[in-house]
Amino acid sequence: MTNTKNINCLVVDDDPLIGDLIKHFCSKQEWINSCVSVMNGSQALQAVNAGDYDLIFLDFNLPDLNGQNLLELFPSSIPVVMVTTEESFGATSYNYEQVIDFLVKPITYERFVKAIFRLPQRKQKTTPTPSINKTEPNKLIVKDGNDKVIIDPNQIQYVKSEANYVVFYLENKKVMSLMSMKRLEHELPQQFMRVHKSYLINKDLLESIGTDHVIVNGQNIPVGPKYRESINGLLDNWKTL
């Protein structure tokens, strides 16, 4: 049980009774530290981006994004238990590496326990399976609608989040893709860094650093307070004249 001690859970379900039930079930397990419940996909993405969760209980039918959309947006390093009446999605859900079990409503405590005890069998904090597919060391593939766009990461100046999408700003164009910023942060090459909750920049194109902004290839990018220390840390590795 040592691998699962003090884990934090997130419930994504528009039925408050299900959220309360799962939180009650979680409270019976001493190795579950906390359980938070949200009622739609947008709230779920905000919670995942802001928090540190070790397990997600995910409904399929939600008011905005459905469970399949969210599986594609969540970091694949976070295990997911599907909790839904949508039995037809059961087989499909196992195509997603992070899905460890599928619970059909109504949920019993015995079936809940069986699901969560699959968690210790998994490696904790595993490396995410990229939603950006790396076909070559110097190429990335991202989805833009129904198209798959090939991007040279060296041409990405910065990335900006727009609601549930991210926009890649390249030398001569923009590419928009349905993806979470937190997931993207872990999947881009090391030359990229987060400077704001809504921005990632290409450090190789960094031109100047201000108190609350940076200039990247002529563009003024805001720097969030929690990221200033990381930006200043870059200066420690560079020679000052």
C-alpha atoms as a PDB file:
ATOM      1  CA  MET A   1       0.000   0.000   0.000  1.00  0.00           C
ATOM      2  CA  THR A   2       2.969   2.346   0.226  1.00  0.00           C
ATOM      3  CA  ASN A   3       2.729   3.372  -3.446  1.00  0.00           C
ATOM      4  CA  THR A   4      -0.799   4.738  -3.034  1.00  0.00           C
ATOM      5  CA  LYS A   5      -0.555   6.510   0.302  1.00  0.00           C
ATOM      6  CA  ASN A   6      -1.854  10.070   0.522  1.00  0.00           C
ATOM      7  CA  ILE A   7      -3.244  10.197  -2.994  1.00  0.00           C
ATOM      8  CA  ASN A   8      -5.569  12.983  -4.174  1.00  0.00           C
ATOM      9  CA  CYS A   9      -8.682  12.174  -6.212  1.00  0.00           C
ATOM     10  CA  LEU A  10     -10.863  14.200  -8.566  1.00  0.00           C
ATOM     11  CA  VAL A  11     -14.480  13.289  -9.425  1.00  0.00           C
ATOM     12  CA  VAL A  12     -15.897  14.685 -12.690  1.00  0.00           C
ATOM     13  CA  ASP A  13     -19.660  14.104 -12.785  1.00  0.00           C
ATOM     14  CA  ASP A  14     -22.656  16.398 -13.323  1.00  0.00           C
ATOM     15  CA  ASP A  15     -24.693  14.391 -10.813  1.00  0.00           C
ATOM     16  CA  PRO A  16     -23.886  15.822  -7.350  1.00  0.00           C
ATOM     17  CA  LEU A  17     -25.132  12.618  -5.707  1.00  0.00           C
ATOM     18  CA  ILE A  18     -22.472  10.593  -7.532  1.00  0.00           C
ATOM     19  CA  GLY A  19     -19.828  13.108  -6.510  1.00  0.00           C
ATOM     20  CA  ASP A  20     -20.891  12.888  -2.871  1.00  0.00           C
ATOM     21  CA  LEU A  21     -21.063   9.086  -3.019  1.00  0.00           C
ATOM     22  CA  ILE A  22     -17.535   8.702  -4.383  1.00  0.00           C
ATOM     23  CA  LYS A  23     -16.190  11.230  -1.866  1.00  0.00           C
ATOM     24  CA  HIS A  24     -17.860   9.189   0.863  1.00  0.00           C
ATOM     25  CA  PHE A  25     -16.299   5.990  -0.475  1.00  0.00           C
ATOM     26  CA  CYS A  26     -12.885   7.695  -0.647  1.00  0.00           C
ATOM     27  CA  SER A  27     -13.195   8.843   2.967  1.00  0.00           C
ATOM     28  CA  LYS A  28     -13.248   5.176   4.018  1.00  0.00           C
ATOM     29  CA  GLN A  29      -9.733   4.654   2.618  1.00  0.00           C
ATOM     30  CA  GLU A  30      -7.022   5.980   4.930  1.00  0.00           C
ATOM     31  CA  TRP A  31      -4.509   6.217   2.080  1.00  0.00           C
ATOM     32  CA  ILE A  32      -6.737   8.638   0.111  1.00  0.00           C
ATOM     33  CA  ASN A  33      -5.789  12.095   1.290  1.00  0.00           C
ATOM     34  CA  SER A  34      -8.509  14.131  -0.442  1.00  0.00           C
ATOM     35  CA  CYS A  35     -11.321  13.936  -2.980  1.00  0.00           C
ATOM     36  CA  VAL A  36     -12.620  16.950  -4.901  1.00  0.00           C
ATOM     37  CA  SER A  37     -15.747  16.946  -7.092  1.00  0.00           C
ATOM     38  CA  VAL A  38     -16.516  19.101 -10.167  1.00  0.00           C
ATOM     39  CA  MET A  39     -19.575  19.018 -12.424  1.00  0.00           C
ATOM     40  CA  ASN A  40     -18.374  19.674 -15.985  1.00  0.00           C
ATOM     41  CA  GLY A  41     -15.424  19.368 -18.315  1.00  0.00           C
ATOM     42  CA  SER A  42     -14.282  22.983 -18.090  1.00  0.00           C
ATOM     43  CA  GLN A  43     -14.119  22.797 -14.307  1.00  0.00           C
ATOM     44  CA  ALA A  44     -12.249  19.494 -14.606  1.00  0.00           C
ATOM     45  CA  LEU A  45      -9.573  20.986 -16.859  1.00  0.00           C
ATOM     46  CA  GLN A  46      -9.159  23.951 -14.510  1.00  0.00           C
ATOM     47  CA  ALA A  47      -8.817  21.592 -11.546  1.00  0.00           C
ATOM     48  CA  VAL A  48      -6.242  19.384 -13.272  1.00  0.00           C
ATOM     49  CA  ASN A  49      -4.221  22.388 -14.416  1.00  0.00           C
ATOM     50  CA  ALA A  50      -4.258  23.920 -10.936  1.00  0.00           C
ATOM     51  CA  GLY A  51      -3.945  20.826  -8.749  1.00  0.00           C
ATOM     52  CA  ASP A  52      -1.968  17.635  -8.307  1.00  0.00           C
ATOM     53  CA  TYR A  53      -4.273  14.636  -8.688  1.00  0.00           C
ATOM     54  CA  ASP A  54      -3.319  10.973  -8.604  1.00  0.00           C
ATOM     55  CA  LEU A  55      -6.648   9.481  -9.717  1.00  0.00           C
ATOM     56  CA  ILE A  56      -9.674  10.780 -11.641  1.00  0.00           C
ATOM     57  CA  PHE A  57     -13.204   9.359 -11.586  1.00  0.00           C
ATOM     58  CA  LEU A  58     -14.686  10.469 -14.907  1.00  0.00           C
ATOM     59  CA  ASP A  59     -18.274  10.464 -16.178  1.00  0.00           C
ATOM     60  CA  PHE A  60     -18.849  10.201 -19.931  1.00  0.00           C
ATOM     61  CA  ASN A  61     -21.971  12.341 -20.345  1.00  0.00           C
ATOM     62  CA  LEU A  62     -21.181  15.893 -19.234  1.00  0.00           C
ATOM     63  CA  PRO A  63     -22.831  19.234 -20.090  1.00  0.00           C
ATOM     64  CA  ASP A  64     -19.919  20.497 -22.208  1.00  0.00           C
ATOM     65  CA  LEU A  65     -16.993  18.205 -23.040  1.00  0.00           C
ATOM     66  CA  ASN A  66     -17.691  14.496 -22.850  1.00  0.00           C
ATOM     67  CA  GLY A  67     -15.497  11.925 -21.167  1.00  0.00           C
ATOM     68  CA  GLN A  68     -13.707  10.982 -24.368  1.00  0.00           C
ATOM     69  CA  ASN A  69     -12.784  14.623 -25.041  1.00  0.00           C
ATOM     70  CA  LEU A  70     -11.388  14.915 -21.529  1.00  0.00           C
ATOM     71  CA  LEU A  71      -9.352  11.710 -21.805  1.00  0.00           C
ATOM     72  CA  GLU A  72      -7.597  13.327 -24.769  1.00  0.00           C
ATOM     73  CA  LEU A  73      -6.954  16.510 -22.783  1.00  0.00           C
ATOM     74  CA  PHE A  74      -5.935  15.068 -19.415  1.00  0.00           C
ATOM     75  CA  PRO A  75      -2.253  14.167 -18.838  1.00  0.00           C
ATOM     76  CA  SER A  76      -1.965  10.453 -19.603  1.00  0.00           C
ATOM     77  CA  SER A  77       0.119  10.082 -16.425  1.00  0.00           C
ATOM     78  CA  ILE A  78      -3.026  10.429 -14.275  1.00  0.00           C
ATOM     79  CA  PRO A  79      -4.964   7.142 -13.963  1.00  0.00           C
ATOM     80  CA  VAL A  80      -8.687   7.365 -14.741  1.00  0.00           C
ATOM     81  CA  VAL A  81     -11.661   5.281 -13.622  1.00  0.00           C
ATOM     82  CA  MET A  82     -14.644   5.789 -15.930  1.00  0.00           C
ATOM     83  CA  VAL A  83     -17.921   6.065 -13.969  1.00  0.00           C
ATOM     84  CA  THR A  84     -20.941   6.181 -16.277  1.00  0.00           C
ATOM     85  CA  THR A  85     -24.108   4.631 -17.661  1.00  0.00           C
ATOM     86  CA  GLU A  86     -22.580   4.793 -21.159  1.00  0.00           C
ATOM     87  CA  GLU A  87     -21.730   1.089 -21.387  1.00  0.00           C
ATOM     88  CA  SER A  88     -21.063   1.362 -25.142  1.00  0.00           C
ATOM     89  CA  PHE A  89     -17.947   3.413 -24.363  1.00  0.00           C
ATOM     90  CA  GLY A  90     -16.583   0.693 -22.097  1.00  0.00           C
ATOM     91  CA  ALA A  91     -14.524  -1.127 -24.722  1.00  0.00           C
ATOM     92  CA  THR A  92     -13.335   2.096 -26.372  1.00  0.00           C
ATOM     93  CA  SER A  93     -12.179   3.548 -23.064  1.00  0.00           C
ATOM     94  CA  TYR A  94      -9.487   0.895 -22.744  1.00  0.00           C
ATOM     95  CA  ASN A  95      -7.804   2.318 -25.853  1.00  0.00           C
ATOM     96  CA  TYR A  96      -6.704   5.115 -23.528  1.00  0.00           C
ATOM     97  CA  GLU A  97      -3.573   4.152 -21.591  1.00  0.00           C
ATOM     98  CA  GLN A  98      -4.664   6.003 -18.454  1.00  0.00           C
ATOM     99  CA  VAL A  99      -8.009   4.161 -18.029  1.00  0.00           C
ATOM    100  CA  ILE A 100      -7.600   1.504 -15.344  1.00  0.00           C
ATOM    101  CA  ASP A 101     -11.246   0.498 -14.820  1.00  0.00           C
ATOM    102  CA  PHE A 102     -14.826   1.159 -15.970  1.00  0.00           C
ATOM    103  CA  LEU A 103     -17.647   1.389 -13.426  1.00  0.00           C
ATOM    104  CA  VAL A 104     -21.284   1.264 -14.520  1.00  0.00           C
ATOM    105  CA  LYS A 105     -23.778   3.233 -12.436  1.00  0.00           C
ATOM    106  CA  PRO A 106     -25.218   2.595  -9.882  1.00  0.00           C
ATOM    107  CA  ILE A 107     -21.896   2.064  -8.083  1.00  0.00           C
ATOM    108  CA  THR A 108     -21.455  -0.243  -5.129  1.00  0.00           C
ATOM    109  CA  TYR A 109     -18.748   0.193  -2.528  1.00  0.00           C
ATOM    110  CA  GLU A 110     -17.382  -3.291  -3.268  1.00  0.00           C
ATOM    111  CA  ARG A 111     -16.948  -2.467  -6.974  1.00  0.00           C
ATOM    112  CA  PHE A 112     -15.424   0.908  -6.103  1.00  0.00           C
ATOM    113  CA  VAL A 113     -12.812  -0.765  -3.904  1.00  0.00           C
ATOM    114  CA  LYS A 114     -11.922  -3.207  -6.656  1.00  0.00           C
ATOM    115  CA  ALA A 115     -11.339  -0.292  -9.042  1.00  0.00           C
ATOM    116  CA  ILE A 116      -9.116   1.761  -6.760  1.00  0.00           C
ATOM    117  CA  PHE A 117      -7.018  -1.244  -5.836  1.00  0.00           C
ATOM    118  CA  ARG A 118      -5.915  -1.439  -9.437  1.00  0.00           C
ATOM    119  CA  LEU A 119      -3.985   1.774  -8.803  1.00  0.00           C
ATOM    120  CA  PRO A 120      -1.086   0.288  -6.754  1.00  0.00           C
ATOM    121  CA  GLN A 121      -0.282  -2.000  -9.667  1.00  0.00           C
ATOM    122  CA  ARG A 122       0.561   0.976 -11.867  1.00  0.00           C
ATOM    123  CA  LYS A 123       3.818   2.935 -11.925  1.00  0.00           C
ATOM    124  CA  GLN A 124       3.338   6.239 -10.165  1.00  0.00           C
ATOM    125  CA  LYS A 125       4.118   9.455 -12.018  1.00  0.00           C
ATOM    126  CA  THR A 126       4.805   7.653 -15.282  1.00  0.00           C
ATOM    127  CA  THR A 127       6.020   9.512 -18.331  1.00  0.00           C
ATOM    128  CA  PRO A 128       2.975  10.678 -20.285  1.00  0.00           C
ATOM    129  CA  THR A 129       2.140   9.112 -23.627  1.00  0.00           C
ATOM    130  CA  PRO A 130       2.390  12.156 -25.897  1.00  0.00           C
ATOM    131  CA  SER A 131      -0.696  13.547 -27.582  1.00  0.00           C
ATOM    132  CA  ILE A 132       1.853  15.281 -29.782  1.00  0.00           C
ATOM    133  CA  ASN A 133       3.320  12.437 -31.788  1.00  0.00           C
ATOM    134  CA  LYS A 134       7.044  12.659 -32.401  1.00  0.00           C
ATOM    135  CA  THR A 135       7.706  11.073 -35.798  1.00  0.00           C
ATOM    136  CA  GLU A 136      11.266  12.407 -36.069  1.00  0.00           C
ATOM    137  CA  PRO A 137      13.558  14.095 -33.522  1.00  0.00           C
ATOM    138  CA  ASN A 138      12.894  17.458 -35.166  1.00  0.00           C
ATOM    139  CA  LYS A 139       9.203  17.134 -36.083  1.00  0.00           C
ATOM    140  CA  LEU A 140       5.921  17.188 -34.171  1.00  0.00           C
ATOM    141  CA  ILE A 141       2.408  16.304 -35.320  1.00  0.00           C
ATOM    142  CA  VAL A 142      -0.567  18.130 -33.808  1.00  0.00           C
ATOM    143  CA  LYS A 143      -4.265  17.913 -34.633  1.00  0.00           C
ATOM    144  CA  ASP A 144      -5.891  21.063 -36.043  1.00  0.00           C
ATOM    145  CA  GLY A 145      -9.533  20.076 -36.469  1.00  0.00           C
ATOM    146  CA  ASN A 146      -9.485  17.006 -38.723  1.00  0.00           C
ATOM    147  CA  ASP A 147      -6.036  17.848 -40.090  1.00  0.00           C
ATOM    148  CA  LYS A 148      -2.702  16.626 -38.776  1.00  0.00           C
ATOM    149  CA  VAL A 149      -0.214  19.483 -38.985  1.00  0.00           C
ATOM    150  CA  ILE A 150       3.538  18.845 -39.026  1.00  0.00           C
ATOM    151  CA  ILE A 151       5.450  21.405 -36.975  1.00  0.00           C
ATOM    152  CA  ASP A 152       9.152  22.094 -36.614  1.00  0.00           C
ATOM    153  CA  PRO A 153       9.492  22.923 -32.884  1.00  0.00           C
ATOM    154  CA  ASN A 154      12.316  25.341 -33.680  1.00  0.00           C
ATOM    155  CA  GLN A 155       9.762  27.491 -35.526  1.00  0.00           C
ATOM    156  CA  ILE A 156       7.405  27.698 -32.530  1.00  0.00           C
ATOM    157  CA  GLN A 157       7.856  31.152 -31.031  1.00  0.00           C
ATOM    158  CA  TYR A 158       5.347  30.700 -28.208  1.00  0.00           C
ATOM    159  CA  VAL A 159       2.130  28.904 -27.335  1.00  0.00           C
ATOM    160  CA  LYS A 160      -0.969  30.556 -25.878  1.00  0.00           C
ATOM    161  CA  SER A 161      -3.930  28.804 -24.241  1.00  0.00           C
ATOM    162  CA  GLU A 162      -7.414  29.788 -25.399  1.00  0.00           C
ATOM    163  CA  ALA A 163     -10.079  28.114 -23.215  1.00  0.00           C
ATOM    164  CA  ASN A 164      -9.711  24.374 -23.973  1.00  0.00           C
ATOM    165  CA  TYR A 165      -7.438  24.990 -26.955  1.00  0.00           C
ATOM    166  CA  VAL A 166      -3.823  25.999 -27.427  1.00  0.00           C
ATOM    167  CA  VAL A 167      -2.514  28.165 -30.263  1.00  0.00           C
ATOM    168  CA  PHE A 168       0.990  27.559 -31.635  1.00  0.00           C
ATOM    169  CA  TYR A 169       2.500  30.802 -32.921  1.00  0.00           C
ATOM    170  CA  LEU A 170       5.000  29.939 -35.666  1.00  0.00           C
ATOM    171  CA  GLU A 171       7.150  32.104 -37.910  1.00  0.00           C
ATOM    172  CA  ASN A 172       4.531  32.429 -40.647  1.00  0.00           C
ATOM    173  CA  LYS A 173       1.278  30.982 -39.283  1.00  0.00           C
ATOM    174  CA  LYS A 174      -0.802  29.914 -36.284  1.00  0.00           C
ATOM    175  CA  VAL A 175      -2.039  26.401 -35.498  1.00  0.00           C
ATOM    176  CA  MET A 176      -4.889  25.761 -33.046  1.00  0.00           C
ATOM    177  CA  SER A 177      -5.358  22.390 -31.358  1.00  0.00           C
ATOM    178  CA  LEU A 178      -7.690  20.931 -28.720  1.00  0.00           C
ATOM    179  CA  MET A 179      -5.226  20.291 -25.902  1.00  0.00           C
ATOM    180  CA  SER A 180      -4.527  21.344 -22.314  1.00  0.00           C
ATOM    181  CA  MET A 181      -1.588  23.621 -21.551  1.00  0.00           C
ATOM    182  CA  LYS A 182      -0.432  21.457 -18.643  1.00  0.00           C
ATOM    183  CA  ARG A 183      -0.213  18.387 -20.833  1.00  0.00           C
ATOM    184  CA  LEU A 184       1.597  20.318 -23.552  1.00  0.00           C
ATOM    185  CA  GLU A 185       4.090  21.672 -21.014  1.00  0.00           C
ATOM    186  CA  HIS A 186       5.381  18.139 -20.378  1.00  0.00           C
ATOM    187  CA  GLU A 187       5.467  17.093 -24.016  1.00  0.00           C
ATOM    188  CA  LEU A 188       7.332  19.896 -25.794  1.00  0.00           C
ATOM    189  CA  PRO A 189      11.160  19.753 -26.035  1.00  0.00           C
ATOM    190  CA  GLN A 190      13.284  21.211 -23.227  1.00  0.00           C
ATOM    191  CA  GLN A 191      13.803  24.472 -25.100  1.00  0.00           C
ATOM    192  CA  PHE A 192      10.263  25.486 -24.050  1.00  0.00           C
ATOM    193  CA  MET A 193       9.248  26.823 -20.654  1.00  0.00           C
ATOM    194  CA  ARG A 194       6.066  28.027 -18.951  1.00  0.00           C
ATOM    195  CA  VAL A 195       6.124  31.746 -18.093  1.00  0.00           C
ATOM    196  CA  HIS A 196       2.426  32.322 -17.426  1.00  0.00           C
ATOM    197  CA  LYS A 197      -0.679  30.189 -16.876  1.00  0.00           C
ATOM    198  CA  SER A 198      -1.568  30.969 -20.498  1.00  0.00           C
ATOM    199  CA  TYR A 199       1.858  31.043 -22.174  1.00  0.00           C
ATOM    200  CA  LEU A 200       4.785  28.763 -23.060  1.00  0.00           C
ATOM    201  CA  ILE A 201       7.798  30.282 -24.797  1.00  0.00           C
ATOM    202  CA  ASN A 202      10.715  29.078 -26.880  1.00  0.00           C
ATOM    203  CA  LYS A 203      13.758  29.960 -24.750  1.00  0.00           C
ATOM    204  CA  ASP A 204      15.973  29.959 -27.843  1.00  0.00           C
ATOM    205  CA  LEU A 205      14.044  32.964 -29.175  1.00  0.00           C
ATOM    206  CA  LEU A 206      14.068  34.919 -25.905  1.00  0.00           C
ATOM    207  CA  GLU A 207      15.365  38.486 -26.505  1.00  0.00           C
ATOM    208  CA  SER A 208      14.891  40.315 -23.210  1.00  0.00           C
ATOM    209  CA  ILE A 209      13.479  39.888 -19.705  1.00  0.00           C
ATOM    210  CA  GLY A 210      11.484  42.558 -17.872  1.00  0.00           C
ATOM    211  CA  THR A 211       9.952  42.631 -14.400  1.00  0.00           C
ATOM    212  CA  ASP A 212       6.594  41.320 -15.601  1.00  0.00           C
ATOM    213  CA  HIS A 213       7.186  40.328 -19.217  1.00  0.00           C
ATOM    214  CA  VAL A 214       9.609  38.837 -21.716  1.00  0.00           C
ATOM    215  CA  ILE A 215      10.215  39.594 -25.377  1.00  0.00           C
ATOM    216  CA  VAL A 216      10.207  36.575 -27.691  1.00  0.00           C
ATOM    217  CA  ASN A 217      11.071  37.284 -31.316  1.00  0.00           C
ATOM    218  CA  GLY A 218       9.646  40.797 -30.963  1.00  0.00           C
ATOM    219  CA  GLN A 219       6.480  39.732 -29.130  1.00  0.00           C
ATOM    220  CA  ASN A 220       5.696  40.951 -25.604  1.00  0.00           C
ATOM    221  CA  ILE A 221       4.695  37.956 -23.444  1.00  0.00           C
ATOM    222  CA  PRO A 222       3.414  38.425 -19.848  1.00  0.00           C
ATOM    223  CA  VAL A 223       5.188  36.628 -16.996  1.00  0.00           C
ATOM    224  CA  GLY A 224       3.059  35.339 -14.119  1.00  0.00           C
ATOM    225  CA  PRO A 225       4.258  35.899 -10.522  1.00  0.00           C
ATOM    226  CA  LYS A 226       4.776  32.173  -9.859  1.00  0.00           C
ATOM    227  CA  TYR A 227       7.058  31.868 -12.907  1.00  0.00           C
ATOM    228  CA  ARG A 228       9.364  34.850 -12.264  1.00  0.00           C
ATOM    229  CA  GLU A 229      11.826  32.770 -10.264  1.00  0.00           C
ATOM    230  CA  SER A 230      12.199  30.300 -13.151  1.00  0.00           C
ATOM    231  CA  ILE A 231      12.786  33.134 -15.591  1.00  0.00           C
ATOM    232  CA  ASN A 232      15.391  34.722 -13.321  1.00  0.00           C
ATOM    233  CA  GLY A 233      17.018  31.300 -12.970  1.00  0.00           C
ATOM    234  CA  LEU A 234      17.867  31.432 -16.673  1.00  0.00           C
ATOM    235  CA  LEU A 235      20.079  34.444 -16.014  1.00  0.00           C
ATOM    236  CA  ASP A 236      22.189  32.428 -13.571  1.00  0.00           C
ATOM    237  CA  ASN A 237      23.265  30.147 -16.418  1.00  0.00           C
ATOM    238  CA  TRP A 238      24.115  32.953 -18.832  1.00  0.00           C
ATOM    239  CA  LYS A 239      27.089  35.293 -18.794  1.00  0.00           C
ATOM    240  CA  THR A 240      26.358  38.905 -17.825  1.00  0.00           C
ATOM    241  CA  LEU A 241      28.550  41.628 -19.361  1.00  0.00           C
END
